[in-house]
Protein backbone atom coordinates (compact mmCIF):
# COMPACT_ATOMS: atom_id res chain seq x y z
CA MET A 1 -106.34 -172.24 -30.51
CA PRO A 2 -109.02 -170.95 -33.12
CA GLU A 3 -107.08 -169.03 -35.85
CA MET A 4 -108.25 -166.56 -38.30
CA PRO A 5 -110.53 -168.74 -40.56
CA GLU A 6 -111.92 -169.84 -37.54
CA VAL A 7 -113.25 -166.45 -36.18
CA GLU A 8 -114.00 -165.54 -39.35
CA THR A 9 -116.50 -168.46 -39.49
CA ILE A 10 -117.71 -167.17 -35.78
CA ARG A 11 -118.23 -164.07 -36.92
CA LYS A 12 -120.29 -164.43 -40.32
CA THR A 13 -122.78 -167.43 -38.34
CA LEU A 14 -123.10 -164.92 -35.09
CA ALA A 15 -123.45 -161.61 -37.48
CA PRO A 16 -127.15 -162.45 -38.88
CA HIS A 17 -128.26 -163.07 -35.06
CA ILE A 18 -126.45 -160.11 -33.10
CA GLU A 19 -126.39 -157.05 -35.13
CA GLY A 20 -129.13 -154.59 -34.36
CA ARG A 21 -130.16 -156.67 -31.08
CA ARG A 22 -130.06 -154.68 -27.92
CA ILE A 23 -128.34 -156.30 -24.75
CA THR A 24 -130.81 -156.23 -21.99
CA LYS A 25 -128.95 -158.01 -19.13
CA VAL A 26 -125.39 -158.63 -18.72
CA ASP A 27 -124.52 -162.08 -16.84
CA LEU A 28 -120.85 -162.18 -15.88
CA ARG A 29 -119.83 -165.05 -13.84
CA LEU A 30 -116.17 -164.86 -13.98
CA ASP A 31 -114.61 -161.40 -13.41
CA ARG A 32 -111.19 -161.96 -13.96
CA LEU A 33 -111.80 -162.63 -17.53
CA VAL A 34 -112.62 -159.17 -18.54
CA LYS A 35 -109.07 -157.27 -18.73
CA VAL A 36 -110.54 -153.58 -19.92
CA PRO A 37 -111.56 -151.67 -18.04
CA ALA A 38 -110.02 -153.06 -14.37
CA ASP A 39 -113.41 -152.62 -12.84
CA ALA A 40 -116.00 -155.40 -13.70
CA ALA A 41 -118.95 -153.82 -12.51
CA ASN A 42 -118.16 -151.14 -15.05
CA PHE A 43 -117.73 -153.16 -17.56
CA VAL A 44 -121.50 -154.67 -17.06
CA SER A 45 -123.22 -151.30 -16.65
CA ARG A 46 -121.57 -149.97 -19.48
CA LEU A 47 -122.59 -153.31 -21.70
CA GLU A 48 -126.24 -153.41 -20.33
CA GLY A 49 -128.73 -151.66 -22.32
CA ARG A 50 -126.51 -151.49 -25.47
CA ARG A 51 -127.43 -151.97 -29.13
CA VAL A 52 -124.97 -154.47 -31.19
CA GLU A 53 -124.39 -152.23 -34.85
CA SER A 54 -122.13 -154.41 -36.04
CA LEU A 55 -119.82 -157.61 -35.61
CA SER A 56 -116.09 -157.19 -37.22
CA ARG A 57 -113.10 -159.07 -37.24
CA ARG A 58 -109.91 -158.39 -36.90
CA GLY A 59 -107.01 -160.60 -36.73
CA LYS A 60 -108.51 -163.50 -34.12
CA TYR A 61 -110.51 -160.20 -32.37
CA LEU A 62 -114.20 -159.98 -32.62
CA CYS A 63 -115.27 -156.29 -32.16
CA PHE A 64 -118.58 -155.99 -31.90
CA GLN A 65 -119.24 -152.35 -32.48
CA LEU A 66 -121.79 -150.37 -29.84
CA ASP A 67 -124.48 -147.52 -30.06
CA GLY A 68 -124.11 -144.04 -28.34
CA ALA A 69 -120.91 -143.84 -26.99
CA GLY A 70 -118.78 -146.01 -29.81
CA ASP A 71 -117.33 -148.22 -27.62
CA ILE A 72 -116.31 -151.60 -28.69
CA PHE A 73 -116.84 -155.01 -27.10
CA ILE A 74 -113.82 -156.80 -27.90
CA VAL A 75 -113.46 -160.56 -27.47
CA HIS A 76 -110.55 -162.54 -27.72
CA LEU A 77 -110.96 -166.46 -27.63
CA ARG A 78 -107.65 -167.75 -27.36
CA MET A 79 -107.31 -171.39 -26.92
CA THR A 80 -110.84 -172.90 -25.51
CA GLY A 81 -112.87 -169.58 -25.50
CA GLN A 82 -116.56 -170.44 -28.12
CA LEU A 83 -119.09 -168.03 -28.77
CA TYR A 84 -122.68 -169.62 -28.79
CA PHE A 85 -125.83 -168.05 -29.90
CA SER A 86 -128.93 -169.14 -28.18
CA ALA A 87 -132.11 -168.80 -29.77
CA ASP A 88 -134.09 -169.99 -26.74
CA GLY A 89 -132.47 -167.51 -24.29
CA SER A 90 -131.30 -170.20 -22.49
CA THR A 91 -127.64 -169.73 -20.56
CA ASP A 92 -127.07 -172.78 -19.29
CA ARG A 93 -124.05 -174.20 -21.22
CA LYS A 94 -121.48 -175.56 -19.85
CA TYR A 95 -118.62 -173.28 -19.11
CA THR A 96 -120.49 -170.16 -19.58
CA ARG A 97 -118.49 -167.29 -18.69
CA LEU A 98 -120.97 -164.70 -19.73
CA ALA A 99 -124.44 -164.52 -21.05
CA LEU A 100 -125.81 -161.51 -22.94
CA SER A 101 -129.75 -162.03 -22.92
CA LEU A 102 -130.84 -159.68 -26.15
CA ASP A 103 -134.16 -158.09 -26.60
CA ASN A 104 -136.06 -160.71 -28.80
CA GLY A 105 -135.35 -163.35 -26.25
CA SER A 106 -131.92 -164.81 -27.32
CA ALA A 107 -128.89 -164.67 -25.63
CA LEU A 108 -124.66 -164.90 -26.54
CA LEU A 109 -123.11 -166.83 -24.74
CA PHE A 110 -118.96 -166.72 -24.14
CA ALA A 111 -117.88 -170.46 -22.75
CA ASP A 112 -114.26 -171.20 -22.22
CA LEU A 113 -113.13 -174.38 -20.61
CA ARG A 114 -110.22 -173.21 -19.44
CA THR A 115 -110.96 -169.17 -19.06
CA LEU A 116 -108.09 -168.12 -20.82
CA GLY A 117 -109.92 -165.84 -23.04
CA ALA A 118 -110.06 -162.15 -22.78
CA LEU A 119 -113.13 -159.64 -22.95
CA TYR A 120 -112.06 -156.00 -23.45
CA LEU A 121 -115.01 -152.70 -23.54
CA VAL A 122 -112.90 -149.61 -25.00
CA THR A 123 -113.77 -146.60 -26.57
CA PRO A 124 -111.89 -146.17 -30.27
CA ALA A 125 -108.61 -144.23 -28.27
CA GLU A 126 -108.56 -147.22 -26.56
CA ILE A 127 -107.85 -149.50 -28.41
CA PRO A 128 -103.77 -149.25 -27.94
CA LEU A 129 -104.16 -150.72 -24.71
CA ILE A 130 -104.98 -154.12 -26.16
CA LYS A 131 -101.54 -154.76 -27.10
CA GLY A 132 -102.10 -157.68 -29.35
CA LEU A 133 -104.91 -155.99 -31.20
CA HIS A 134 -103.24 -152.90 -31.80
CA THR A 135 -99.65 -154.33 -33.08
CA LEU A 136 -101.25 -156.64 -35.80
CA GLY A 137 -99.96 -156.89 -39.21
CA PRO A 138 -102.23 -156.87 -42.58
CA GLU A 139 -104.60 -159.57 -42.82
CA PRO A 140 -104.36 -161.90 -45.82
CA LEU A 141 -106.98 -161.72 -48.56
CA THR A 142 -106.62 -157.89 -47.94
CA GLU A 143 -105.58 -154.80 -50.25
CA ALA A 144 -102.97 -154.39 -47.43
CA PHE A 145 -101.43 -157.81 -47.80
CA THR A 146 -99.45 -157.94 -50.90
CA GLU A 147 -96.67 -159.53 -52.86
CA GLU A 148 -94.55 -156.41 -52.61
CA TYR A 149 -95.11 -156.43 -48.76
CA LEU A 150 -93.90 -159.76 -47.76
CA LYS A 151 -91.25 -159.59 -50.06
CA ASN A 152 -90.19 -156.60 -48.46
CA TYR A 153 -90.78 -157.39 -44.74
CA LEU A 154 -88.70 -160.93 -45.92
CA SER A 155 -86.02 -159.54 -47.50
CA ALA A 156 -83.79 -157.89 -44.38
CA ARG A 157 -84.75 -161.08 -41.63
CA GLN A 158 -82.63 -163.85 -40.68
CA THR A 159 -85.48 -165.28 -38.67
CA LYS A 160 -86.57 -168.59 -39.71
CA ILE A 161 -89.84 -168.66 -42.22
CA LYS A 162 -92.08 -170.52 -39.68
CA SER A 163 -91.67 -168.67 -36.71
CA LEU A 164 -91.87 -165.29 -38.95
CA LEU A 165 -95.33 -165.97 -40.29
CA LEU A 166 -96.48 -166.97 -36.71
CA ASP A 167 -95.56 -163.32 -35.52
CA GLN A 168 -98.99 -161.48 -35.62
CA SER A 169 -97.13 -158.11 -36.17
CA ALA A 170 -96.37 -159.54 -39.40
CA ILE A 171 -99.17 -160.97 -40.98
CA ALA A 172 -102.65 -161.28 -38.32
CA GLY A 173 -104.26 -164.24 -37.91
CA LEU A 174 -101.76 -167.02 -38.78
CA GLY A 175 -101.13 -169.43 -36.41
CA ASN A 176 -99.98 -173.31 -36.89
CA ILE A 177 -102.38 -174.90 -38.37
CA TYR A 178 -102.39 -172.54 -41.28
CA ALA A 179 -98.76 -171.31 -41.62
CA ASP A 180 -97.75 -175.12 -41.81
CA GLU A 181 -99.96 -175.93 -44.48
CA ALA A 182 -99.00 -172.75 -46.66
CA LEU A 183 -95.15 -173.88 -46.42
CA PHE A 184 -96.30 -176.92 -47.81
CA LEU A 185 -98.57 -175.26 -50.47
CA ALA A 186 -94.92 -173.12 -51.32
CA GLY A 187 -92.58 -175.83 -51.28
CA ILE A 188 -90.55 -173.98 -48.83
CA HIS A 189 -89.19 -176.13 -45.65
CA PRO A 190 -90.13 -174.46 -42.50
CA GLU A 191 -86.68 -173.77 -40.87
CA ARG A 192 -85.22 -171.60 -44.02
CA LYS A 193 -84.45 -168.01 -43.03
CA ALA A 194 -86.84 -165.59 -44.37
CA LYS A 195 -83.95 -163.51 -45.99
CA THR A 196 -82.99 -166.47 -47.94
CA LEU A 197 -86.13 -166.90 -49.84
CA SER A 198 -86.49 -165.90 -53.70
CA ASP A 199 -88.51 -163.77 -55.57
CA LYS A 200 -90.47 -167.01 -56.93
CA GLU A 201 -90.32 -168.68 -53.58
CA ILE A 202 -92.24 -165.23 -52.02
CA HIS A 203 -94.85 -165.44 -54.68
CA ARG A 204 -95.54 -168.50 -54.08
CA LEU A 205 -95.35 -168.19 -50.63
CA TYR A 206 -97.57 -165.18 -51.04
CA LYS A 207 -100.22 -167.06 -53.10
CA ALA A 208 -100.05 -170.25 -50.61
CA VAL A 209 -101.50 -168.19 -47.38
CA ASN A 210 -104.14 -166.66 -49.25
CA LYS A 211 -105.17 -170.04 -50.65
CA VAL A 212 -104.84 -171.51 -47.49
CA ILE A 213 -107.12 -168.83 -45.68
CA GLY A 214 -109.30 -168.98 -47.69
CA ASP A 215 -110.10 -172.65 -48.07
CA GLY A 216 -109.97 -172.93 -44.28
CA ILE A 217 -112.70 -169.94 -44.67
CA ALA A 218 -114.84 -171.75 -46.83
CA ASP A 219 -114.46 -175.14 -45.17
CA GLY A 220 -115.84 -173.75 -41.66
CA GLY A 221 -112.40 -173.98 -40.08
CA THR A 222 -110.68 -176.55 -38.62
CA THR A 223 -111.74 -178.49 -35.82
CA PHE A 224 -109.38 -180.85 -33.89
CA SER A 225 -111.06 -180.43 -30.44
CA ASP A 226 -112.80 -177.09 -28.79
CA TYR A 227 -113.11 -174.81 -31.51
CA ARG A 228 -117.01 -174.93 -32.93
CA ASP A 229 -119.09 -171.77 -34.86
CA ALA A 230 -121.93 -169.42 -33.37
CA HIS A 231 -124.42 -172.52 -33.66
CA GLY A 232 -122.09 -174.94 -32.41
CA GLU A 233 -121.28 -176.74 -35.56
CA SER A 234 -117.40 -177.93 -35.88
CA GLY A 235 -115.69 -177.25 -38.75
CA HIS A 236 -114.19 -179.52 -41.72
CA HIS A 237 -110.88 -177.82 -43.12
CA GLN A 238 -109.57 -180.84 -40.95
CA GLU A 239 -110.04 -183.10 -43.97
CA ASN A 240 -108.09 -181.22 -46.37
CA LEU A 241 -105.14 -180.69 -44.26
CA ASN A 242 -101.73 -181.63 -46.23
CA ALA A 243 -99.15 -181.53 -43.30
CA TYR A 244 -100.11 -180.64 -40.07
CA GLN A 245 -100.84 -183.03 -37.31
CA ARG A 246 -99.96 -185.31 -40.50
CA THR A 247 -96.50 -187.19 -38.74
CA GLY A 248 -96.01 -190.62 -40.26
CA LYS A 249 -97.92 -190.22 -42.75
CA PRO A 250 -97.31 -190.25 -46.90
CA CYS A 251 -97.26 -186.80 -47.95
CA LYS A 252 -100.19 -186.31 -50.08
CA GLY A 253 -97.57 -185.17 -53.47
CA CYS A 254 -95.22 -187.37 -52.87
CA GLY A 255 -95.48 -190.53 -50.60
CA THR A 256 -92.80 -189.37 -48.25
CA ALA A 257 -93.80 -189.61 -44.59
CA ILE A 258 -94.57 -186.03 -43.15
CA GLN A 259 -91.71 -185.10 -40.31
CA ARG A 260 -92.48 -182.97 -37.26
CA LEU A 261 -89.59 -181.01 -35.54
CA VAL A 262 -90.14 -177.84 -33.14
CA ILE A 263 -89.18 -174.92 -34.34
CA GLY A 264 -89.35 -171.78 -31.10
CA GLY A 265 -91.41 -173.93 -29.19
CA ARG A 266 -93.95 -174.63 -31.70
CA SER A 267 -94.24 -178.03 -34.00
CA ALA A 268 -93.76 -177.57 -37.35
CA HIS A 269 -95.10 -180.45 -39.76
CA PHE A 270 -93.57 -181.07 -43.22
CA CYS A 271 -92.43 -183.27 -45.81
CA PRO A 272 -89.06 -183.58 -46.31
CA ARG A 273 -88.98 -183.63 -49.85
CA CYS A 274 -91.27 -181.43 -51.47
CA GLN A 275 -90.06 -179.02 -48.95
CA LYS A 276 -86.21 -179.25 -49.16
């Protein structure tokens, strides 16, 4: 599933093409992907003819601010969702579920192989209807995500640190890849209880979370299978990973074989020596 660096890369590559453009035609090919409003026909009629004022991101959600009544078109890619910019206006890309024709002859396509993505068209007052968006915690690399916030959040929790890092209400945007990488850089075992971390360990973890997110964005995201940016290009952060999906390979720090275990139904990759 694309994590925050991947979604931010899509936003950065898509924004110059979509901002200021008017949607001249909405071709919705799979009604059930529309979660709000309940009526897919309402979604189409409200979206058609609108101009995209800006494109922002919150956690793993892409938010298209529209002109007029203040509606927001929101896309959640989930596991296999992809957003593509089609310069020539072609809409025949495989697995396209939504095609938005634009006023300059180009198009924006939402493709989704497994059809797990979600589309929303809401007013600001309706944001709470999108539970996963409404309850997001602060994001790395923002003023709201401070070391003091992280310390206070961890201090009373018995949750294993890997599971807590995946909790979007705690820290928005982290997933398996970047949680594993942050714990590796911080030298913290993924099964450690959050409240047992020392101030020094929390400091290292805070720095590590920001670093892995920043590095992921700088590398254009991580591509193992489905993720592509708005131009259809793969990311290359997978070339710089230290722990994630490196089971059995030597640790880049000490040479010990990277191990894998399952925590809360999710895999965790770590070095048993560097992350005691």
